[in-house]
């Protein structure tokens, strides 16, 4: 019980709106990066049409932004580099097409 009280005293119960949004964006971005890396492997490295089709279906099922994924697939030169992927993603998001 003492540990629970100490824990709740040391940490705020809710994140600030800014921190929550930053966390959501980071998780969202990591989801996109993971899908793009899977697609790069399936489509470009393995040439596996069945796996590629399943991954694209997953993109649709998860309601991910196809334009964002295509941008990352074709405008990013180094899919294994988080910094390059992040820069490429930020370029796309800055287009503000919506």
PDB file of N, CA and C in Angstrom:
ATOM      1  N   UNK A   1       0.818  -1.191   0.000  1.00  0.00           N
ATOM      2  CA  UNK A   1       0.000   0.000   0.000  1.00  0.00           C
ATOM      3  C   UNK A   1       0.860   1.251   0.000  1.00  0.00           C
ATOM      4  N   UNK A   2       1.937   1.266   0.785  1.00  0.00           N
ATOM      5  CA  UNK A   2       2.815   2.432   0.856  1.00  0.00           C
ATOM      6  C   UNK A   2       3.456   2.709  -0.501  1.00  0.00           C
ATOM      7  N   UNK A   3       3.836   1.643  -1.204  1.00  0.00           N
ATOM      8  CA  UNK A   3       4.437   1.819  -2.526  1.00  0.00           C
ATOM      9  C   UNK A   3       3.440   2.441  -3.490  1.00  0.00           C
ATOM     10  N   UNK A   4       2.184   2.053  -3.412  1.00  0.00           N
ATOM     11  CA  UNK A   4       1.147   2.607  -4.274  1.00  0.00           C
ATOM     12  C   UNK A   4       0.947   4.083  -3.977  1.00  0.00           C
ATOM     13  N   UNK A   5       0.909   4.449  -2.718  1.00  0.00           N
ATOM     14  CA  UNK A   5       0.745   5.851  -2.351  1.00  0.00           C
ATOM     15  C   UNK A   5       1.945   6.666  -2.814  1.00  0.00           C
ATOM     16  N   UNK A   6       3.134   6.142  -2.629  1.00  0.00           N
ATOM     17  CA  UNK A   6       4.340   6.840  -3.069  1.00  0.00           C
ATOM     18  C   UNK A   6       4.333   7.024  -4.575  1.00  0.00           C
ATOM     19  N   UNK A   7       3.944   5.980  -5.289  1.00  0.00           N
ATOM     20  CA  UNK A   7       3.900   6.038  -6.745  1.00  0.00           C
ATOM     21  C   UNK A   7       2.930   7.115  -7.210  1.00  0.00           C
ATOM     22  N   UNK A   8       1.760   7.151  -6.634  1.00  0.00           N
ATOM     23  CA  UNK A   8       0.756   8.123  -7.058  1.00  0.00           C
ATOM     24  C   UNK A   8       1.130   9.543  -6.663  1.00  0.00           C
ATOM     25  N   UNK A   9       1.895   9.715  -5.580  1.00  0.00           N
ATOM     26  CA  UNK A   9       2.332  11.050  -5.193  1.00  0.00           C
ATOM     27  C   UNK A   9       3.432  11.567  -6.113  1.00  0.00           C
ATOM     28  N   UNK A  10       4.280  10.667  -6.601  1.00  0.00           N
ATOM     29  CA  UNK A  10       5.433  11.068  -7.401  1.00  0.00           C
ATOM     30  C   UNK A  10       5.091  11.358  -8.858  1.00  0.00           C
ATOM     31  N   UNK A  11       4.018  10.791  -9.348  1.00  0.00           N
ATOM     32  CA  UNK A  11       3.684  10.941 -10.761  1.00  0.00           C
ATOM     33  C   UNK A  11       2.308  11.562 -10.927  1.00  0.00           C
ATOM     34  N   UNK A  12       2.162  12.453 -11.890  1.00  0.00           N
ATOM     35  CA  UNK A  12       0.821  12.990 -12.145  1.00  0.00           C
ATOM     36  C   UNK A  12      -0.070  11.892 -12.713  1.00  0.00           C
ATOM     37  N   UNK A  13      -1.366  12.009 -12.439  1.00  0.00           N
ATOM     38  CA  UNK A  13      -2.295  10.993 -12.918  1.00  0.00           C
ATOM     39  C   UNK A  13      -2.505  11.059 -14.423  1.00  0.00           C
ATOM     40  N   UNK A  14      -2.487  12.260 -14.959  1.00  0.00           N
ATOM     41  CA  UNK A  14      -2.719  12.426 -16.389  1.00  0.00           C
ATOM     42  C   UNK A  14      -1.549  13.152 -17.028  1.00  0.00           C
ATOM     43  N   UNK A  15      -1.282  12.808 -18.267  1.00  0.00           N
ATOM     44  CA  UNK A  15      -0.262  13.531 -19.024  1.00  0.00           C
ATOM     45  C   UNK A  15      -0.836  14.873 -19.452  1.00  0.00           C
ATOM     46  N   UNK A  16       0.040  15.817 -19.675  1.00  0.00           N
ATOM     47  CA  UNK A  16      -0.421  17.073 -20.256  1.00  0.00           C
ATOM     48  C   UNK A  16      -0.896  16.793 -21.675  1.00  0.00           C
ATOM     49  N   UNK A  17      -1.694  17.666 -22.197  1.00  0.00           N
ATOM     50  CA  UNK A  17      -2.206  17.491 -23.563  1.00  0.00           C
ATOM     51  C   UNK A  17      -1.059  17.417 -24.556  1.00  0.00           C
ATOM     52  N   UNK A  18      -0.063  18.262 -24.384  1.00  0.00           N
ATOM     53  CA  UNK A  18       1.092  18.251 -25.287  1.00  0.00           C
ATOM     54  C   UNK A  18       1.864  16.950 -25.219  1.00  0.00           C
ATOM     55  N   UNK A  19       2.075  16.449 -24.009  1.00  0.00           N
ATOM     56  CA  UNK A  19       2.801  15.185 -23.851  1.00  0.00           C
ATOM     57  C   UNK A  19       2.009  14.028 -24.437  1.00  0.00           C
ATOM     58  N   UNK A  20       0.714  14.023 -24.249  1.00  0.00           N
ATOM     59  CA  UNK A  20      -0.132  12.962 -24.808  1.00  0.00           C
ATOM     60  C   UNK A  20      -0.098  12.999 -26.326  1.00  0.00           C
ATOM     61  N   UNK A  21      -0.158  14.184 -26.892  1.00  0.00           N
ATOM     62  CA  UNK A  21      -0.119  14.319 -28.360  1.00  0.00           C
ATOM     63  C   UNK A  21       1.237  13.874 -28.894  1.00  0.00           C
ATOM     64  N   UNK A  22       2.307  14.248 -28.215  1.00  0.00           N
ATOM     65  CA  UNK A  22       3.646  13.834 -28.640  1.00  0.00           C
ATOM     66  C   UNK A  22       3.782  12.316 -28.595  1.00  0.00           C
ATOM     67  N   UNK A  23       3.251  11.697 -27.574  1.00  0.00           N
ATOM     68  CA  UNK A  23       3.276  10.242 -27.433  1.00  0.00           C
ATOM     69  C   UNK A  23       2.476   9.582 -28.559  1.00  0.00           C
ATOM     70  N   UNK A  24       1.295  10.129 -28.859  1.00  0.00           N
ATOM     71  CA  UNK A  24       0.454   9.589 -29.921  1.00  0.00           C
ATOM     72  C   UNK A  24       1.154   9.693 -31.272  1.00  0.00           C
ATOM     73  N   UNK A  25       1.770  10.840 -31.541  1.00  0.00           N
ATOM     74  CA  UNK A  25       2.468  11.043 -32.812  1.00  0.00           C
ATOM     75  C   UNK A  25       3.635  10.072 -32.934  1.00  0.00           C
ATOM     76  N   UNK A  26       4.385   9.895 -31.843  1.00  0.00           N
ATOM     77  CA  UNK A  26       5.529   8.983 -31.869  1.00  0.00           C
ATOM     78  C   UNK A  26       5.076   7.545 -32.120  1.00  0.00           C
ATOM     79  N   UNK A  27       4.018   7.115 -31.444  1.00  0.00           N
ATOM     80  CA  UNK A  27       3.499   5.761 -31.655  1.00  0.00           C
ATOM     81  C   UNK A  27       2.932   5.603 -33.052  1.00  0.00           C
ATOM     82  N   UNK A  28       2.229   6.617 -33.523  1.00  0.00           N
ATOM     83  CA  UNK A  28       1.666   6.606 -34.870  1.00  0.00           C
ATOM     84  C   UNK A  28       2.786   6.483 -35.899  1.00  0.00           C
ATOM     85  N   UNK A  29       3.821   7.291 -35.717  1.00  0.00           N
ATOM     86  CA  UNK A  29       4.950   7.276 -36.651  1.00  0.00           C
ATOM     87  C   UNK A  29       5.623   5.906 -36.647  1.00  0.00           C
ATOM     88  N   UNK A  30       5.825   5.317 -35.472  1.00  0.00           N
ATOM     89  CA  UNK A  30       6.460   3.998 -35.397  1.00  0.00           C
ATOM     90  C   UNK A  30       5.611   2.929 -36.082  1.00  0.00           C
ATOM     91  N   UNK A  31       4.301   3.064 -36.016  1.00  0.00           N
ATOM     92  CA  UNK A  31       3.412   2.131 -36.722  1.00  0.00           C
ATOM     93  C   UNK A  31       3.614   2.246 -38.228  1.00  0.00           C
ATOM     94  N   UNK A  32       3.673   3.468 -38.721  1.00  0.00           N
ATOM     95  CA  UNK A  32       3.907   3.679 -40.152  1.00  0.00           C
ATOM     96  C   UNK A  32       5.272   3.149 -40.567  1.00  0.00           C
ATOM     97  N   UNK A  33       6.296   3.424 -39.774  1.00  0.00           N
ATOM     98  CA  UNK A  33       7.636   2.943 -40.103  1.00  0.00           C
ATOM     99  C   UNK A  33       7.672   1.423 -40.172  1.00  0.00           C
ATOM    100  N   UNK A  34       7.026   0.758 -39.237  1.00  0.00           N
ATOM    101  CA  UNK A  34       7.018  -0.708 -39.217  1.00  0.00           C
ATOM    102  C   UNK A  34       6.334  -1.262 -40.463  1.00  0.00           C
ATOM    103  N   UNK A  35       5.206  -0.682 -40.835  1.00  0.00           N
ATOM    104  CA  UNK A  35       4.485  -1.138 -42.029  1.00  0.00           C
ATOM    105  C   UNK A  35       5.331  -0.907 -43.275  1.00  0.00           C
ATOM    106  N   UNK A  36       5.948   0.269 -43.358  1.00  0.00           N
ATOM    107  CA  UNK A  36       6.776   0.579 -44.533  1.00  0.00           C
ATOM    108  C   UNK A  36       7.951  -0.383 -44.624  1.00  0.00           C
ATOM    109  N   UNK A  37       8.592  -0.653 -43.510  1.00  0.00           N
ATOM    110  CA  UNK A  37       9.729  -1.592 -43.537  1.00  0.00           C
ATOM    111  C   UNK A  37       9.282  -2.998 -43.938  1.00  0.00           C
ATOM    112  N   UNK A  38       8.124  -3.416 -43.469  1.00  0.00           N
ATOM    113  CA  UNK A  38       7.592  -4.720 -43.884  1.00  0.00           C
ATOM    114  C   UNK A  38       7.308  -4.734 -45.380  1.00  0.00           C
ATOM    115  N   UNK A  39       6.748  -3.642 -45.890  1.00  0.00           N
ATOM    116  CA  UNK A  39       6.451  -3.561 -47.321  1.00  0.00           C
ATOM    117  C   UNK A  39       7.725  -3.535 -48.153  1.00  0.00           C
ATOM    118  N   UNK A  40       8.737  -2.826 -47.696  1.00  0.00           N
ATOM    119  CA  UNK A  40      10.027  -2.795 -48.408  1.00  0.00           C
ATOM    120  C   UNK A  40      10.570  -4.210 -48.530  1.00  0.00           C
ATOM    121  N   UNK A  41      10.545  -4.947 -47.432  1.00  0.00           N
ATOM    122  CA  UNK A  41      11.048  -6.319 -47.456  1.00  0.00           C
ATOM    123  C   UNK A  41      10.223  -7.192 -48.402  1.00  0.00           C
ATOM    124  N   UNK A  42       8.919  -7.155 -48.237  1.00  0.00           N
ATOM    125  CA  UNK A  42       8.048  -8.021 -49.036  1.00  0.00           C
ATOM    126  C   UNK A  42       8.063  -7.652 -50.514  1.00  0.00           C
ATOM    127  N   UNK A  43       7.951  -6.363 -50.789  1.00  0.00           N
ATOM    128  CA  UNK A  43       7.765  -5.910 -52.164  1.00  0.00           C
ATOM    129  C   UNK A  43       9.074  -5.778 -52.931  1.00  0.00           C
ATOM    130  N   UNK A  44      10.079  -5.170 -52.321  1.00  0.00           N
ATOM    131  CA  UNK A  44      11.318  -4.862 -53.033  1.00  0.00           C
ATOM    132  C   UNK A  44      12.408  -5.909 -52.849  1.00  0.00           C
ATOM    133  N   UNK A  45      12.511  -6.473 -51.652  1.00  0.00           N
ATOM    134  CA  UNK A  45      13.593  -7.422 -51.385  1.00  0.00           C
ATOM    135  C   UNK A  45      13.184  -8.838 -51.773  1.00  0.00           C
ATOM    136  N   UNK A  46      12.050  -9.279 -51.249  1.00  0.00           N
ATOM    137  CA  UNK A  46      11.615 -10.651 -51.507  1.00  0.00           C
ATOM    138  C   UNK A  46      10.820 -10.801 -52.803  1.00  0.00           C
ATOM    139  N   UNK A  47      10.177  -9.736 -53.238  1.00  0.00           N
ATOM    140  CA  UNK A  47       9.310  -9.826 -54.416  1.00  0.00           C
ATOM    141  C   UNK A  47       8.147 -10.771 -54.179  1.00  0.00           C
ATOM    142  N   UNK A  48       7.666 -10.810 -52.956  1.00  0.00           N
ATOM    143  CA  UNK A  48       6.604 -11.737 -52.560  1.00  0.00           C
ATOM    144  C   UNK A  48       5.249 -11.050 -52.741  1.00  0.00           C
ATOM    145  N   UNK A  49       4.566 -11.382 -53.837  1.00  0.00           N
ATOM    146  CA  UNK A  49       3.297 -10.728 -54.161  1.00  0.00           C
ATOM    147  C   UNK A  49       2.211 -11.025 -53.128  1.00  0.00           C
ATOM    148  N   UNK A  50       2.181 -12.247 -52.636  1.00  0.00           N
ATOM    149  CA  UNK A  50       1.150 -12.617 -51.661  1.00  0.00           C
ATOM    150  C   UNK A  50       1.336 -11.855 -50.346  1.00  0.00           C
ATOM    151  N   UNK A  51       2.561 -11.829 -49.851  1.00  0.00           N
ATOM    152  CA  UNK A  51       2.841 -11.099 -48.615  1.00  0.00           C
ATOM    153  C   UNK A  51       2.586  -9.600 -48.810  1.00  0.00           C
ATOM    154  N   UNK A  52       2.999  -9.069 -49.942  1.00  0.00           N
ATOM    155  CA  UNK A  52       2.774  -7.662 -50.242  1.00  0.00           C
ATOM    156  C   UNK A  52       1.282  -7.348 -50.239  1.00  0.00           C
ATOM    157  N   UNK A  53       0.489  -8.200 -50.869  1.00  0.00           N
ATOM    158  CA  UNK A  53      -0.965  -7.988 -50.913  1.00  0.00           C
ATOM    159  C   UNK A  53      -1.559  -8.034 -49.502  1.00  0.00           C
ATOM    160  N   UNK A  54      -1.096  -8.963 -48.687  1.00  0.00           N
ATOM    161  CA  UNK A  54      -1.599  -9.050 -47.298  1.00  0.00           C
ATOM    162  C   UNK A  54      -1.236  -7.796 -46.510  1.00  0.00           C
ATOM    163  N   UNK A  55      -0.022  -7.305 -46.711  1.00  0.00           N
ATOM    164  CA  UNK A  55       0.400  -6.097 -46.002  1.00  0.00           C
ATOM    165  C   UNK A  55      -0.410  -4.884 -46.438  1.00  0.00           C
ATOM    166  N   UNK A  56      -0.677  -4.761 -47.739  1.00  0.00           N
ATOM    167  CA  UNK A  56      -1.498  -3.641 -48.221  1.00  0.00           C
ATOM    168  C   UNK A  56      -2.935  -3.768 -47.712  1.00  0.00           C
ATOM    169  N   UNK A  57      -3.419  -4.990 -47.588  1.00  0.00           N
ATOM    170  CA  UNK A  57      -4.756  -5.187 -47.012  1.00  0.00           C
ATOM    171  C   UNK A  57      -4.762  -4.737 -45.565  1.00  0.00           C
ATOM    172  N   UNK A  58      -3.696  -5.048 -44.849  1.00  0.00           N
ATOM    173  CA  UNK A  58      -3.559  -4.616 -43.459  1.00  0.00           C
ATOM    174  C   UNK A  58      -3.560  -3.085 -43.370  1.00  0.00           C
ATOM    175  N   UNK A  59      -2.901  -2.436 -44.307  1.00  0.00           N
ATOM    176  CA  UNK A  59      -2.905  -0.963 -44.356  1.00  0.00           C
ATOM    177  C   UNK A  59      -4.340  -0.458 -44.459  1.00  0.00           C
ATOM    178  N   UNK A  60      -5.117  -1.060 -45.351  1.00  0.00           N
ATOM    179  CA  UNK A  60      -6.513  -0.664 -45.518  1.00  0.00           C
ATOM    180  C   UNK A  60      -7.348  -0.978 -44.291  1.00  0.00           C
ATOM    181  N   UNK A  61      -7.141  -2.156 -43.728  1.00  0.00           N
ATOM    182  CA  UNK A  61      -7.902  -2.557 -42.544  1.00  0.00           C
ATOM    183  C   UNK A  61      -7.637  -1.629 -41.357  1.00  0.00           C
ATOM    184  N   UNK A  62      -6.419  -1.149 -41.255  1.00  0.00           N
ATOM    185  CA  UNK A  62      -6.033  -0.265 -40.146  1.00  0.00           C
ATOM    186  C   UNK A  62      -6.311   1.204 -40.480  1.00  0.00           C
ATOM    187  N   UNK A  63      -6.816   1.455 -41.676  1.00  0.00           N
ATOM    188  CA  UNK A  63      -7.157   2.812 -42.108  1.00  0.00           C
ATOM    189  C   UNK A  63      -5.940   3.742 -42.049  1.00  0.00           C
ATOM    190  N   UNK A  64      -4.786   3.197 -42.455  1.00  0.00           N
ATOM    191  CA  UNK A  64      -3.568   4.001 -42.509  1.00  0.00           C
ATOM    192  C   UNK A  64      -3.581   4.842 -43.781  1.00  0.00           C
ATOM    193  N   UNK A  65      -2.869   5.933 -43.764  1.00  0.00           N
ATOM    194  CA  UNK A  65      -2.809   6.865 -44.890  1.00  0.00           C
ATOM    195  C   UNK A  65      -1.909   6.279 -45.986  1.00  0.00           C
ATOM    196  N   UNK A  66      -2.529   5.862 -47.075  1.00  0.00           N
ATOM    197  CA  UNK A  66      -1.792   5.232 -48.181  1.00  0.00           C
ATOM    198  C   UNK A  66      -0.785   6.207 -48.781  1.00  0.00           C
ATOM    199  N   UNK A  67      -1.164   7.475 -48.918  1.00  0.00           N
ATOM    200  CA  UNK A  67      -0.245   8.471 -49.484  1.00  0.00           C
ATOM    201  C   UNK A  67       1.011   8.612 -48.634  1.00  0.00           C
ATOM    202  N   UNK A  68       0.834   8.584 -47.343  1.00  0.00           N
ATOM    203  CA  UNK A  68       1.976   8.690 -46.430  1.00  0.00           C
ATOM    204  C   UNK A  68       2.889   7.488 -46.580  1.00  0.00           C
ATOM    205  N   UNK A  69       2.319   6.314 -46.719  1.00  0.00           N
ATOM    206  CA  UNK A  69       3.112   5.095 -46.883  1.00  0.00           C
ATOM    207  C   UNK A  69       3.846   5.101 -48.222  1.00  0.00           C
ATOM    208  N   UNK A  70       3.160   5.485 -49.277  1.00  0.00           N
ATOM    209  CA  UNK A  70       3.798   5.552 -50.598  1.00  0.00           C
ATOM    210  C   UNK A  70       4.944   6.556 -50.576  1.00  0.00           C
ATOM    211  N   UNK A  71       4.719   7.690 -49.923  1.00  0.00           N
ATOM    212  CA  UNK A  71       5.787   8.696 -49.813  1.00  0.00           C
ATOM    213  C   UNK A  71       7.006   8.105 -49.114  1.00  0.00           C
ATOM    214  N   UNK A  72       6.787   7.411 -48.017  1.00  0.00           N
ATOM    215  CA  UNK A  72       7.904   6.805 -47.293  1.00  0.00           C
ATOM    216  C   UNK A  72       8.572   5.699 -48.116  1.00  0.00           C
ATOM    217  N   UNK A  73       7.788   4.939 -48.853  1.00  0.00           N
ATOM    218  CA  UNK A  73       8.354   3.863 -49.672  1.00  0.00           C
ATOM    219  C   UNK A  73       9.276   4.404 -50.763  1.00  0.00           C
ATOM    220  N   UNK A  74       8.832   5.442 -51.455  1.00  0.00           N
ATOM    221  CA  UNK A  74       9.540   5.893 -52.652  1.00  0.00           C
ATOM    222  C   UNK A  74      10.393   7.140 -52.468  1.00  0.00           C
ATOM    223  N   UNK A  75      10.206   7.882 -51.389  1.00  0.00           N
ATOM    224  CA  UNK A  75      10.983   9.108 -51.189  1.00  0.00           C
ATOM    225  C   UNK A  75      12.059   8.963 -50.130  1.00  0.00           C
ATOM    226  N   UNK A  76      12.082   7.858 -49.453  1.00  0.00           N
ATOM    227  CA  UNK A  76      13.088   7.602 -48.432  1.00  0.00           C
ATOM    228  C   UNK A  76      14.110   6.608 -48.989  1.00  0.00           C
ATOM    229  N   UNK A  77      15.370   6.984 -48.900  1.00  0.00           N
ATOM    230  CA  UNK A  77      16.431   6.129 -49.442  1.00  0.00           C
ATOM    231  C   UNK A  77      16.935   5.083 -48.460  1.00  0.00           C
ATOM    232  N   UNK A  78      16.754   5.335 -47.168  1.00  0.00           N
ATOM    233  CA  UNK A  78      17.303   4.442 -46.157  1.00  0.00           C
ATOM    234  C   UNK A  78      16.213   4.078 -45.157  1.00  0.00           C
ATOM    235  N   UNK A  79      15.492   3.016 -45.448  1.00  0.00           N
ATOM    236  CA  UNK A  79      14.365   2.604 -44.610  1.00  0.00           C
ATOM    237  C   UNK A  79      14.788   2.031 -43.265  1.00  0.00           C
ATOM    238  N   UNK A  80      16.053   1.716 -43.114  1.00  0.00           N
ATOM    239  CA  UNK A  80      16.521   1.171 -41.843  1.00  0.00           C
ATOM    240  C   UNK A  80      17.069   2.258 -40.908  1.00  0.00           C
ATOM    241  N   UNK A  81      17.033   3.510 -41.358  1.00  0.00           N
ATOM    242  CA  UNK A  81      17.536   4.631 -40.574  1.00  0.00           C
ATOM    243  C   UNK A  81      16.358   5.462 -40.058  1.00  0.00           C
ATOM    244  N   UNK A  82      16.111   5.399 -38.746  1.00  0.00           N
ATOM    245  CA  UNK A  82      14.975   6.121 -38.154  1.00  0.00           C
ATOM    246  C   UNK A  82      15.028   7.614 -38.418  1.00  0.00           C
ATOM    247  N   UNK A  83      16.226   8.199 -38.383  1.00  0.00           N
ATOM    248  CA  UNK A  83      16.338   9.644 -38.585  1.00  0.00           C
ATOM    249  C   UNK A  83      15.946  10.038 -40.009  1.00  0.00           C
ATOM    250  N   UNK A  84      16.395   9.275 -40.982  1.00  0.00           N
ATOM    251  CA  UNK A  84      16.050   9.558 -42.377  1.00  0.00           C
ATOM    252  C   UNK A  84      14.556   9.329 -42.604  1.00  0.00           C
ATOM    253  N   UNK A  85      14.029   8.267 -42.017  1.00  0.00           N
ATOM    254  CA  UNK A  85      12.590   8.004 -42.134  1.00  0.00           C
ATOM    255  C   UNK A  85      11.792   9.149 -41.502  1.00  0.00           C
ATOM    256  N   UNK A  86      12.217   9.614 -40.335  1.00  0.00           N
ATOM    257  CA  UNK A  86      11.514  10.699 -39.655  1.00  0.00           C
ATOM    258  C   UNK A  86      11.540  11.977 -40.489  1.00  0.00           C
ATOM    259  N   UNK A  87      12.698  12.306 -41.054  1.00  0.00           N
ATOM    260  CA  UNK A  87      12.807  13.504 -41.906  1.00  0.00           C
ATOM    261  C   UNK A  87      11.891  13.394 -43.119  1.00  0.00           C
ATOM    262  N   UNK A  88      11.867  12.237 -43.751  1.00  0.00           N
ATOM    263  CA  UNK A  88      11.015  12.021 -44.914  1.00  0.00           C
ATOM    264  C   UNK A  88       9.540  12.114 -44.526  1.00  0.00           C
ATOM    265  N   UNK A  89       9.207  11.559 -43.379  1.00  0.00           N
ATOM    266  CA  UNK A  89       7.824  11.623 -42.893  1.00  0.00           C
ATOM    267  C   UNK A  89       7.430  13.056 -42.579  1.00  0.00           C
ATOM    268  N   UNK A  90       8.322  13.807 -41.956  1.00  0.00           N
ATOM    269  CA  UNK A  90       8.032  15.209 -41.635  1.00  0.00           C
ATOM    270  C   UNK A  90       7.839  16.033 -42.904  1.00  0.00           C
ATOM    271  N   UNK A  91       8.611  15.727 -43.949  1.00  0.00           N
ATOM    272  CA  UNK A  91       8.412  16.409 -45.246  1.00  0.00           C
ATOM    273  C   UNK A  91       6.998  16.156 -45.756  1.00  0.00           C
ATOM    274  N   UNK A  92       6.555  14.913 -45.675  1.00  0.00           N
ATOM    275  CA  UNK A  92       5.204  14.586 -46.139  1.00  0.00           C
ATOM    276  C   UNK A  92       4.151  15.300 -45.301  1.00  0.00           C
ATOM    277  N   UNK A  93       4.296  15.239 -43.981  1.00  0.00           N
ATOM    278  CA  UNK A  93       3.299  15.859 -43.107  1.00  0.00           C
ATOM    279  C   UNK A  93       3.258  17.373 -43.280  1.00  0.00           C
ATOM    280  N   UNK A  94       4.388  17.981 -43.662  1.00  0.00           N
ATOM    281  CA  UNK A  94       4.445  19.425 -43.878  1.00  0.00           C
ATOM    282  C   UNK A  94       3.697  19.834 -45.154  1.00  0.00           C
ATOM    283  N   UNK A  95       3.452  18.873 -46.038  1.00  0.00           N
ATOM    284  CA  UNK A  95       2.712  19.185 -47.264  1.00  0.00           C
ATOM    285  C   UNK A  95       1.287  19.629 -46.943  1.00  0.00           C
ATOM    286  N   UNK A  96       0.774  19.184 -45.799  1.00  0.00           N
ATOM    287  CA  UNK A  96      -0.549  19.591 -45.315  1.00  0.00           C
ATOM    288  C   UNK A  96      -1.603  19.495 -46.417  1.00  0.00           C
ATOM    289  N   UNK A  97      -1.743  18.299 -46.950  1.00  0.00           N
ATOM    290  CA  UNK A  97      -2.659  18.070 -48.077  1.00  0.00           C
ATOM    291  C   UNK A  97      -4.101  17.927 -47.627  1.00  0.00           C
ATOM    292  N   UNK A  98      -4.348  17.950 -46.342  1.00  0.00           N
ATOM    293  CA  UNK A  98      -5.704  17.697 -45.877  1.00  0.00           C
ATOM    294  C   UNK A  98      -6.293  18.937 -45.355  1.00  0.00           C
TER     295      UNK A  98
END
